[in-house]
Amino acid sequence: MRDDAVRGLQQFLKAKGFFKVKVDGVFDLKTRAAVKNTQRKYQQELNGIVDTADFVPMIYRVNGENYVVRVSCPCGCAS
C-alpha cells in the first residue's frame, strides 16, 4: 500500500531522526519500527499504530503546533 499520508508520516519521522531509510509511502515493518521507537521515546503505548489517542498527542509535544497525520492501517481497515 502506497499512501501520501504514510509518506508524510515517514518524512516527519525522518526529520525527527526515527526513520533512516528512503521515504516511499509504504507502511511497512521499517515504518512501524520507527513509529514504535517514537512512541518509546515519548512514553506512549508501544503498538506501532498511528492513532489520535497516542501518536497525535506525541506529535503535538514534538512540534509544538497542531500537526495531525492520518494513516491507514496496513491491513486496509479504516483505523
C-alpha atoms as a PDB file:
ATOM      1  CA  MET A   1       0.000   0.000   0.000  1.00  0.00           C
ATOM      2  CA  ARG A   2       1.376   3.406  -1.010  1.00  0.00           C
ATOM      3  CA  ASP A   3      -0.177   6.458   0.528  1.00  0.00           C
ATOM      4  CA  ASP A   4       0.542  10.195   0.705  1.00  0.00           C
ATOM      5  CA  ALA A   5      -0.341  10.184   4.414  1.00  0.00           C
ATOM      6  CA  VAL A   6       2.244   7.456   5.037  1.00  0.00           C
ATOM      7  CA  ARG A   7       4.779   9.451   3.023  1.00  0.00           C
ATOM      8  CA  GLY A   8       4.053  12.470   5.237  1.00  0.00           C
ATOM      9  CA  LEU A   9       4.443  10.348   8.351  1.00  0.00           C
ATOM     10  CA  GLN A  10       7.749   8.957   7.106  1.00  0.00           C
ATOM     11  CA  GLN A  11       9.005  12.457   6.292  1.00  0.00           C
ATOM     12  CA  PHE A  12       8.046  13.580   9.796  1.00  0.00           C
ATOM     13  CA  LEU A  13       9.759  10.560  11.378  1.00  0.00           C
ATOM     14  CA  LYS A  14      12.854  11.112   9.224  1.00  0.00           C
ATOM     15  CA  ALA A  15      13.049  14.787  10.196  1.00  0.00           C
ATOM     16  CA  LYS A  16      12.944  13.738  13.859  1.00  0.00           C
ATOM     17  CA  GLY A  17      15.648  11.079  13.323  1.00  0.00           C
ATOM     18  CA  PHE A  18      13.474   7.980  13.735  1.00  0.00           C
ATOM     19  CA  PHE A  19      13.250   6.871  10.076  1.00  0.00           C
ATOM     20  CA  LYS A  20      16.606   6.106   8.477  1.00  0.00           C
ATOM     21  CA  VAL A  21      15.603   4.720   5.063  1.00  0.00           C
ATOM     22  CA  LYS A  22      14.156   6.192   1.878  1.00  0.00           C
ATOM     23  CA  VAL A  23      10.682   7.721   2.163  1.00  0.00           C
ATOM     24  CA  ASP A  24       8.430   5.648  -0.103  1.00  0.00           C
ATOM     25  CA  GLY A  25       4.892   5.988   1.255  1.00  0.00           C
ATOM     26  CA  VAL A  26       4.649   2.301   2.229  1.00  0.00           C
ATOM     27  CA  PHE A  27       3.646   1.463   5.815  1.00  0.00           C
ATOM     28  CA  ASP A  28       5.993  -1.490   6.197  1.00  0.00           C
ATOM     29  CA  LEU A  29       7.961  -3.039   9.061  1.00  0.00           C
ATOM     30  CA  LYS A  30      10.567  -0.248   8.963  1.00  0.00           C
ATOM     31  CA  THR A  31       7.865   2.409   9.258  1.00  0.00           C
ATOM     32  CA  ARG A  32       6.183   0.507  12.080  1.00  0.00           C
ATOM     33  CA  ALA A  33       9.529   0.184  13.897  1.00  0.00           C
ATOM     34  CA  ALA A  34      10.121   3.936  13.537  1.00  0.00           C
ATOM     35  CA  VAL A  35       6.652   4.629  14.947  1.00  0.00           C
ATOM     36  CA  LYS A  36       7.366   2.301  17.885  1.00  0.00           C
ATOM     37  CA  ASN A  37      10.731   3.964  18.537  1.00  0.00           C
ATOM     38  CA  THR A  38       8.978   7.335  18.545  1.00  0.00           C
ATOM     39  CA  GLN A  39       6.334   6.001  20.923  1.00  0.00           C
ATOM     40  CA  ARG A  40       9.066   4.616  23.186  1.00  0.00           C
ATOM     41  CA  LYS A  41      10.903   7.947  23.342  1.00  0.00           C
ATOM     42  CA  TYR A  42       7.728   9.867  24.167  1.00  0.00           C
ATOM     43  CA  GLN A  43       6.410   7.217  26.597  1.00  0.00           C
ATOM     44  CA  GLN A  44       3.399   6.180  24.546  1.00  0.00           C
ATOM     45  CA  GLU A  45       1.941   2.688  24.250  1.00  0.00           C
ATOM     46  CA  LEU A  46       4.331   0.642  22.072  1.00  0.00           C
ATOM     47  CA  ASN A  47       1.900  -0.644  19.459  1.00  0.00           C
ATOM     48  CA  GLY A  48       3.324   0.739  16.201  1.00  0.00           C
ATOM     49  CA  ILE A  49      -0.062   2.225  15.356  1.00  0.00           C
ATOM     50  CA  VAL A  50      -0.543   5.857  14.441  1.00  0.00           C
ATOM     51  CA  ASP A  51      -3.777   6.972  16.060  1.00  0.00           C
ATOM     52  CA  THR A  52      -5.252  10.049  17.679  1.00  0.00           C
ATOM     53  CA  ALA A  53      -5.185   8.546  21.180  1.00  0.00           C
ATOM     54  CA  ASP A  54      -1.408   8.081  21.381  1.00  0.00           C
ATOM     55  CA  PHE A  55       0.529   9.316  18.388  1.00  0.00           C
ATOM     56  CA  VAL A  56      -1.065  12.698  17.696  1.00  0.00           C
ATOM     57  CA  PRO A  57      -0.568  13.957  21.282  1.00  0.00           C
ATOM     58  CA  MET A  58       3.091  12.933  20.955  1.00  0.00           C
ATOM     59  CA  ILE A  59       3.350  14.851  17.690  1.00  0.00           C
ATOM     60  CA  TYR A  60       1.894  17.921  19.386  1.00  0.00           C
ATOM     61  CA  ARG A  61       4.627  17.772  22.032  1.00  0.00           C
ATOM     62  CA  VAL A  62       7.378  17.324  19.472  1.00  0.00           C
ATOM     63  CA  ASN A  63       6.282  20.055  17.084  1.00  0.00           C
ATOM     64  CA  GLY A  64       4.696  22.493  19.498  1.00  0.00           C
ATOM     65  CA  GLU A  65       1.933  23.099  16.966  1.00  0.00           C
ATOM     66  CA  ASN A  66      -1.208  21.400  15.741  1.00  0.00           C
ATOM     67  CA  TYR A  67       0.040  18.780  13.300  1.00  0.00           C
ATOM     68  CA  VAL A  68      -2.174  15.812  12.501  1.00  0.00           C
ATOM     69  CA  VAL A  69      -1.108  12.776  10.482  1.00  0.00           C
ATOM     70  CA  ARG A  70      -3.799  10.389   9.316  1.00  0.00           C
ATOM     71  CA  VAL A  71      -2.535   6.991   8.264  1.00  0.00           C
ATOM     72  CA  SER A  72      -4.433   3.975   7.020  1.00  0.00           C
ATOM     73  CA  CYS A  73      -3.751   0.677   8.694  1.00  0.00           C
ATOM     74  CA  PRO A  74      -1.530  -1.629   6.575  1.00  0.00           C
ATOM     75  CA  CYS A  75      -4.300  -4.253   6.554  1.00  0.00           C
ATOM     76  CA  GLY A  76      -6.609  -1.817   4.754  1.00  0.00           C
ATOM     77  CA  CYS A  77      -9.110  -1.248   7.537  1.00  0.00           C
ATOM     78  CA  ALA A  78     -10.343   2.275   8.249  1.00  0.00           C
ATOM     79  CA  SER A  79      -8.458   2.726  11.544  1.00  0.00           C
END
